[in-house]
């Protein structure tokens, strides 16, 4: 099932949009939703960004909830405070967690068939 953002909710950009001089994390309001057929990505019209009278259309993958953006920024702030040695340890631990996640996902797929 597709994630649908409610109209007039605020979202943050997941990537830079250099053609509009917008950066990852800029916040806007959803003013329109364009549902697409299964297998295709929904689209959204965004307004705000301190750009009056400008509406920007983006695919769903281009936006994230503002709460998720704030959480990611808090994590990045903490990462920037770690020493190089701690960053290497963290990278190893993240690799371990990702492998575990993939293994659990594969197990769920096998048990559902």
N, C-alpha and C. Protein backbone atom coordinates (compact mmCIF):
# COMPACT_ATOMS: atom_id res chain seq x y z
N UNK A 1 0.84 -1.18 0.00
CA UNK A 1 0.00 0.00 0.00
C UNK A 1 0.89 1.25 0.00
N UNK A 2 0.49 2.24 -0.78
CA UNK A 2 1.25 3.47 -0.88
C UNK A 2 1.01 4.35 0.33
N UNK A 3 2.06 5.07 0.74
CA UNK A 3 1.91 6.08 1.79
C UNK A 3 1.32 7.31 1.12
N UNK A 4 0.25 7.82 1.68
CA UNK A 4 -0.33 9.04 1.15
C UNK A 4 -0.24 10.12 2.22
N UNK A 5 0.32 11.24 1.85
CA UNK A 5 0.41 12.36 2.76
C UNK A 5 -0.90 13.14 2.69
N UNK A 6 -1.45 13.55 3.82
CA UNK A 6 -2.69 14.32 3.79
C UNK A 6 -2.49 15.71 3.18
N UNK A 7 -3.54 16.20 2.53
CA UNK A 7 -3.49 17.55 2.00
C UNK A 7 -3.25 18.54 3.13
N UNK A 8 -2.52 19.57 2.84
CA UNK A 8 -2.19 20.67 3.74
C UNK A 8 -1.27 20.26 4.90
N UNK A 9 -0.70 19.04 4.80
CA UNK A 9 0.31 18.68 5.79
C UNK A 9 1.65 19.23 5.32
N UNK A 10 2.55 19.43 6.28
CA UNK A 10 3.87 19.92 5.94
C UNK A 10 4.83 18.76 5.77
N UNK A 11 5.68 18.87 4.76
CA UNK A 11 6.69 17.86 4.47
C UNK A 11 8.01 18.56 4.18
N UNK A 12 9.07 17.78 4.26
CA UNK A 12 10.40 18.30 3.95
C UNK A 12 10.89 17.65 2.67
N UNK A 13 11.71 18.36 1.93
CA UNK A 13 12.31 17.78 0.73
C UNK A 13 13.33 16.72 1.12
N UNK A 14 13.31 15.61 0.42
CA UNK A 14 14.26 14.53 0.67
C UNK A 14 15.56 14.74 -0.10
N UNK A 15 15.52 15.60 -1.12
CA UNK A 15 16.70 15.87 -1.95
C UNK A 15 16.69 17.34 -2.36
N UNK A 16 17.86 17.82 -2.77
CA UNK A 16 17.94 19.18 -3.30
C UNK A 16 17.16 19.29 -4.60
N UNK A 17 16.61 20.47 -4.86
CA UNK A 17 16.00 20.80 -6.15
C UNK A 17 16.72 22.04 -6.67
N UNK A 18 17.90 21.85 -7.27
CA UNK A 18 18.71 23.01 -7.67
C UNK A 18 18.01 23.94 -8.65
N UNK A 19 17.12 23.41 -9.48
CA UNK A 19 16.44 24.26 -10.45
C UNK A 19 15.55 25.30 -9.78
N UNK A 20 15.21 25.07 -8.50
CA UNK A 20 14.41 26.04 -7.73
C UNK A 20 15.21 26.65 -6.57
N UNK A 21 16.50 26.35 -6.51
CA UNK A 21 17.36 26.79 -5.40
C UNK A 21 16.82 26.30 -4.06
N UNK A 22 16.29 25.09 -4.04
CA UNK A 22 15.75 24.49 -2.81
C UNK A 22 16.69 23.39 -2.36
N UNK A 23 16.81 23.24 -1.05
CA UNK A 23 17.72 22.27 -0.45
C UNK A 23 16.95 21.19 0.30
N UNK A 24 17.61 20.05 0.44
CA UNK A 24 17.06 18.97 1.26
C UNK A 24 16.72 19.55 2.63
N UNK A 25 15.50 19.24 3.09
CA UNK A 25 15.07 19.72 4.39
C UNK A 25 14.18 20.94 4.33
N UNK A 26 14.15 21.64 3.18
CA UNK A 26 13.22 22.76 3.06
C UNK A 26 11.80 22.24 3.24
N UNK A 27 10.98 23.02 3.95
CA UNK A 27 9.62 22.59 4.31
C UNK A 27 8.60 23.30 3.43
N UNK A 28 7.57 22.55 3.03
CA UNK A 28 6.47 23.09 2.24
C UNK A 28 5.17 22.42 2.66
N UNK A 29 4.08 22.89 2.09
CA UNK A 29 2.75 22.35 2.38
C UNK A 29 2.21 21.64 1.14
N UNK A 30 1.65 20.47 1.34
CA UNK A 30 1.03 19.73 0.24
C UNK A 30 -0.31 20.36 -0.09
N UNK A 31 -0.49 20.72 -1.35
CA UNK A 31 -1.75 21.33 -1.77
C UNK A 31 -2.52 20.47 -2.77
N UNK A 32 -1.88 19.43 -3.30
CA UNK A 32 -2.56 18.55 -4.24
C UNK A 32 -1.87 17.20 -4.25
N UNK A 33 -2.66 16.14 -4.44
CA UNK A 33 -2.15 14.78 -4.52
C UNK A 33 -2.58 14.19 -5.86
N UNK A 34 -1.65 13.54 -6.55
CA UNK A 34 -1.94 12.92 -7.84
C UNK A 34 -1.74 11.41 -7.73
N UNK A 35 -2.82 10.67 -7.42
CA UNK A 35 -2.67 9.22 -7.32
C UNK A 35 -2.35 8.62 -8.69
N UNK A 36 -1.47 7.65 -8.68
CA UNK A 36 -1.06 6.97 -9.91
C UNK A 36 -1.45 5.50 -9.82
N UNK A 37 -1.51 4.83 -10.97
CA UNK A 37 -1.82 3.40 -10.96
C UNK A 37 -0.77 2.61 -10.19
N UNK A 38 -1.15 1.43 -9.75
CA UNK A 38 -0.24 0.54 -9.02
C UNK A 38 1.06 0.39 -9.79
N UNK A 39 2.17 0.49 -9.09
CA UNK A 39 3.47 0.35 -9.71
C UNK A 39 4.09 1.67 -10.13
N UNK A 40 3.31 2.74 -10.10
CA UNK A 40 3.82 4.07 -10.43
C UNK A 40 3.81 4.94 -9.18
N UNK A 41 4.67 5.91 -9.16
CA UNK A 41 4.82 6.76 -7.98
C UNK A 41 3.81 7.91 -8.00
N UNK A 42 3.13 8.10 -6.87
CA UNK A 42 2.21 9.23 -6.73
C UNK A 42 2.98 10.54 -6.82
N UNK A 43 2.26 11.61 -7.15
CA UNK A 43 2.87 12.93 -7.20
C UNK A 43 2.16 13.88 -6.25
N UNK A 44 2.83 14.97 -5.93
CA UNK A 44 2.29 15.98 -5.03
C UNK A 44 2.66 17.37 -5.53
N UNK A 45 1.75 18.31 -5.31
CA UNK A 45 2.05 19.72 -5.53
C UNK A 45 2.34 20.35 -4.18
N UNK A 46 3.42 21.10 -4.12
CA UNK A 46 3.87 21.73 -2.87
C UNK A 46 3.89 23.24 -3.04
N UNK A 47 3.52 23.91 -1.97
CA UNK A 47 3.63 25.37 -1.93
C UNK A 47 4.32 25.75 -0.62
N UNK A 48 4.88 26.92 -0.62
CA UNK A 48 5.60 27.39 0.56
C UNK A 48 7.02 27.71 0.17
N UNK A 49 7.96 27.18 0.90
CA UNK A 49 9.39 27.39 0.63
C UNK A 49 9.75 28.87 0.60
N UNK A 50 8.93 29.72 1.17
CA UNK A 50 9.16 31.16 1.10
C UNK A 50 9.17 31.67 -0.34
N UNK A 51 8.45 30.96 -1.22
CA UNK A 51 8.32 31.38 -2.61
C UNK A 51 6.84 31.67 -2.88
N UNK A 52 6.42 32.91 -2.79
CA UNK A 52 5.00 33.22 -2.99
C UNK A 52 4.56 32.91 -4.42
N UNK A 53 3.37 32.39 -4.54
CA UNK A 53 2.73 32.12 -5.83
C UNK A 53 3.48 31.10 -6.67
N UNK A 54 4.25 30.22 -6.04
CA UNK A 54 4.98 29.17 -6.76
C UNK A 54 4.52 27.82 -6.24
N UNK A 55 4.11 26.96 -7.18
CA UNK A 55 3.73 25.59 -6.86
C UNK A 55 4.71 24.66 -7.56
N UNK A 56 5.23 23.70 -6.81
CA UNK A 56 6.21 22.77 -7.36
C UNK A 56 5.63 21.36 -7.29
N UNK A 57 5.72 20.63 -8.40
CA UNK A 57 5.25 19.25 -8.43
C UNK A 57 6.44 18.31 -8.24
N UNK A 58 6.25 17.33 -7.34
CA UNK A 58 7.32 16.38 -7.04
C UNK A 58 6.74 14.97 -6.91
N UNK A 59 7.56 13.94 -7.16
CA UNK A 59 7.13 12.57 -6.88
C UNK A 59 7.17 12.32 -5.37
N UNK A 60 6.42 11.32 -4.94
CA UNK A 60 6.33 10.99 -3.51
C UNK A 60 7.70 10.73 -2.89
N UNK A 61 8.62 10.15 -3.64
CA UNK A 61 9.94 9.84 -3.10
C UNK A 61 10.76 11.09 -2.79
N UNK A 62 10.31 12.24 -3.26
CA UNK A 62 11.04 13.49 -3.07
C UNK A 62 10.72 14.16 -1.74
N UNK A 63 9.70 13.66 -1.02
CA UNK A 63 9.29 14.31 0.23
C UNK A 63 9.29 13.31 1.38
N UNK A 64 9.48 13.85 2.59
CA UNK A 64 9.42 13.04 3.81
C UNK A 64 8.67 13.84 4.87
N UNK A 65 8.06 13.15 5.82
CA UNK A 65 7.39 13.87 6.91
C UNK A 65 8.39 14.75 7.66
N UNK A 66 7.95 15.90 8.13
CA UNK A 66 8.86 16.81 8.84
C UNK A 66 9.42 16.15 10.11
N UNK A 67 8.63 15.32 10.78
CA UNK A 67 9.13 14.64 11.99
C UNK A 67 10.30 13.72 11.64
N UNK A 68 10.21 13.03 10.51
CA UNK A 68 11.31 12.15 10.07
C UNK A 68 12.54 12.99 9.75
N UNK A 69 12.36 14.11 9.09
CA UNK A 69 13.47 15.01 8.77
C UNK A 69 14.17 15.46 10.05
N UNK A 70 13.38 15.87 11.05
CA UNK A 70 13.96 16.34 12.31
C UNK A 70 14.73 15.23 13.01
N UNK A 71 14.19 14.01 12.98
CA UNK A 71 14.87 12.88 13.60
C UNK A 71 16.20 12.59 12.89
N UNK A 72 16.18 12.62 11.56
CA UNK A 72 17.41 12.39 10.80
C UNK A 72 18.46 13.46 11.11
N UNK A 73 18.03 14.70 11.23
CA UNK A 73 18.97 15.78 11.54
C UNK A 73 19.58 15.61 12.93
N UNK A 74 18.77 15.16 13.90
CA UNK A 74 19.30 14.91 15.25
C UNK A 74 20.36 13.81 15.20
N UNK A 75 20.10 12.77 14.44
CA UNK A 75 21.06 11.67 14.32
C UNK A 75 22.34 12.16 13.65
N UNK A 76 22.20 12.93 12.58
CA UNK A 76 23.39 13.45 11.89
C UNK A 76 24.22 14.36 12.78
N UNK A 77 23.57 15.15 13.61
CA UNK A 77 24.28 16.02 14.55
C UNK A 77 25.12 15.17 15.51
N UNK A 78 24.54 14.09 15.99
CA UNK A 78 25.28 13.20 16.88
C UNK A 78 26.43 12.51 16.16
N UNK A 79 26.21 12.10 14.91
CA UNK A 79 27.26 11.45 14.13
C UNK A 79 28.47 12.36 13.96
N UNK A 80 28.21 13.63 13.72
CA UNK A 80 29.29 14.59 13.50
C UNK A 80 30.15 14.79 14.74
N UNK A 81 29.66 14.38 15.89
CA UNK A 81 30.40 14.54 17.14
C UNK A 81 31.28 13.33 17.45
N UNK A 82 31.13 12.25 16.71
CA UNK A 82 31.89 11.03 16.98
C UNK A 82 33.29 11.09 16.39
N UNK A 83 34.21 10.42 17.06
CA UNK A 83 35.58 10.31 16.54
C UNK A 83 35.58 9.34 15.36
N UNK A 84 36.68 9.35 14.61
CA UNK A 84 36.82 8.44 13.47
C UNK A 84 36.71 6.99 13.87
N UNK A 85 37.31 6.63 15.01
CA UNK A 85 37.27 5.24 15.49
C UNK A 85 35.83 4.84 15.83
N UNK A 86 35.12 5.73 16.49
CA UNK A 86 33.71 5.43 16.85
C UNK A 86 32.84 5.34 15.59
N UNK A 87 33.14 6.16 14.59
CA UNK A 87 32.38 6.08 13.34
C UNK A 87 32.56 4.72 12.67
N UNK A 88 33.78 4.20 12.72
CA UNK A 88 34.03 2.87 12.14
C UNK A 88 33.27 1.79 12.91
N UNK A 89 33.26 1.90 14.24
CA UNK A 89 32.49 0.94 15.04
C UNK A 89 31.01 1.04 14.71
N UNK A 90 30.54 2.24 14.58
CA UNK A 90 29.12 2.44 14.27
C UNK A 90 28.79 1.87 12.89
N UNK A 91 29.68 2.07 11.93
CA UNK A 91 29.46 1.52 10.59
C UNK A 91 29.37 0.00 10.64
N UNK A 92 30.25 -0.64 11.38
CA UNK A 92 30.19 -2.10 11.53
C UNK A 92 28.87 -2.53 12.16
N UNK A 93 28.42 -1.80 13.18
CA UNK A 93 27.17 -2.14 13.85
C UNK A 93 25.98 -1.93 12.91
N UNK A 94 26.00 -0.87 12.13
CA UNK A 94 24.92 -0.64 11.18
C UNK A 94 24.87 -1.74 10.12
N UNK A 95 26.04 -2.17 9.65
CA UNK A 95 26.09 -3.29 8.70
C UNK A 95 25.47 -4.54 9.32
N UNK A 96 25.80 -4.81 10.59
CA UNK A 96 25.22 -5.94 11.30
C UNK A 96 23.70 -5.83 11.37
N UNK A 97 23.20 -4.64 11.73
CA UNK A 97 21.75 -4.45 11.83
C UNK A 97 21.05 -4.62 10.48
N UNK A 98 21.68 -4.12 9.42
CA UNK A 98 21.10 -4.26 8.09
C UNK A 98 21.05 -5.72 7.65
N UNK A 99 22.10 -6.48 7.95
CA UNK A 99 22.10 -7.90 7.63
C UNK A 99 21.01 -8.63 8.41
N UNK A 100 20.87 -8.28 9.68
CA UNK A 100 19.82 -8.88 10.51
C UNK A 100 18.43 -8.54 9.96
N UNK A 101 18.24 -7.29 9.56
CA UNK A 101 16.97 -6.85 8.99
C UNK A 101 16.64 -7.65 7.73
N UNK A 102 17.64 -7.80 6.86
CA UNK A 102 17.45 -8.55 5.62
C UNK A 102 17.14 -10.01 5.91
N UNK A 103 17.83 -10.59 6.88
CA UNK A 103 17.59 -11.98 7.25
C UNK A 103 16.17 -12.17 7.78
N UNK A 104 15.73 -11.25 8.63
CA UNK A 104 14.37 -11.32 9.17
C UNK A 104 13.33 -11.14 8.06
N UNK A 105 13.63 -10.26 7.12
CA UNK A 105 12.71 -10.04 5.99
C UNK A 105 12.59 -11.32 5.15
N UNK A 106 13.73 -11.96 4.88
CA UNK A 106 13.71 -13.20 4.12
C UNK A 106 12.94 -14.29 4.86
N UNK A 107 13.10 -14.36 6.17
CA UNK A 107 12.37 -15.35 6.97
C UNK A 107 10.87 -15.13 6.91
N UNK A 108 10.46 -13.86 6.99
CA UNK A 108 9.03 -13.54 6.88
C UNK A 108 8.47 -13.93 5.51
N UNK A 109 9.26 -13.68 4.46
CA UNK A 109 8.80 -14.05 3.12
C UNK A 109 8.64 -15.55 2.99
N UNK A 110 9.58 -16.32 3.53
CA UNK A 110 9.51 -17.77 3.46
C UNK A 110 8.34 -18.31 4.25
N UNK A 111 8.05 -17.73 5.42
CA UNK A 111 6.96 -18.23 6.23
C UNK A 111 5.59 -17.84 5.68
N UNK A 112 5.54 -16.81 4.84
CA UNK A 112 4.25 -16.41 4.27
C UNK A 112 3.90 -17.18 3.01
N UNK A 113 4.85 -17.96 2.48
CA UNK A 113 4.57 -18.73 1.27
C UNK A 113 4.21 -20.15 1.57
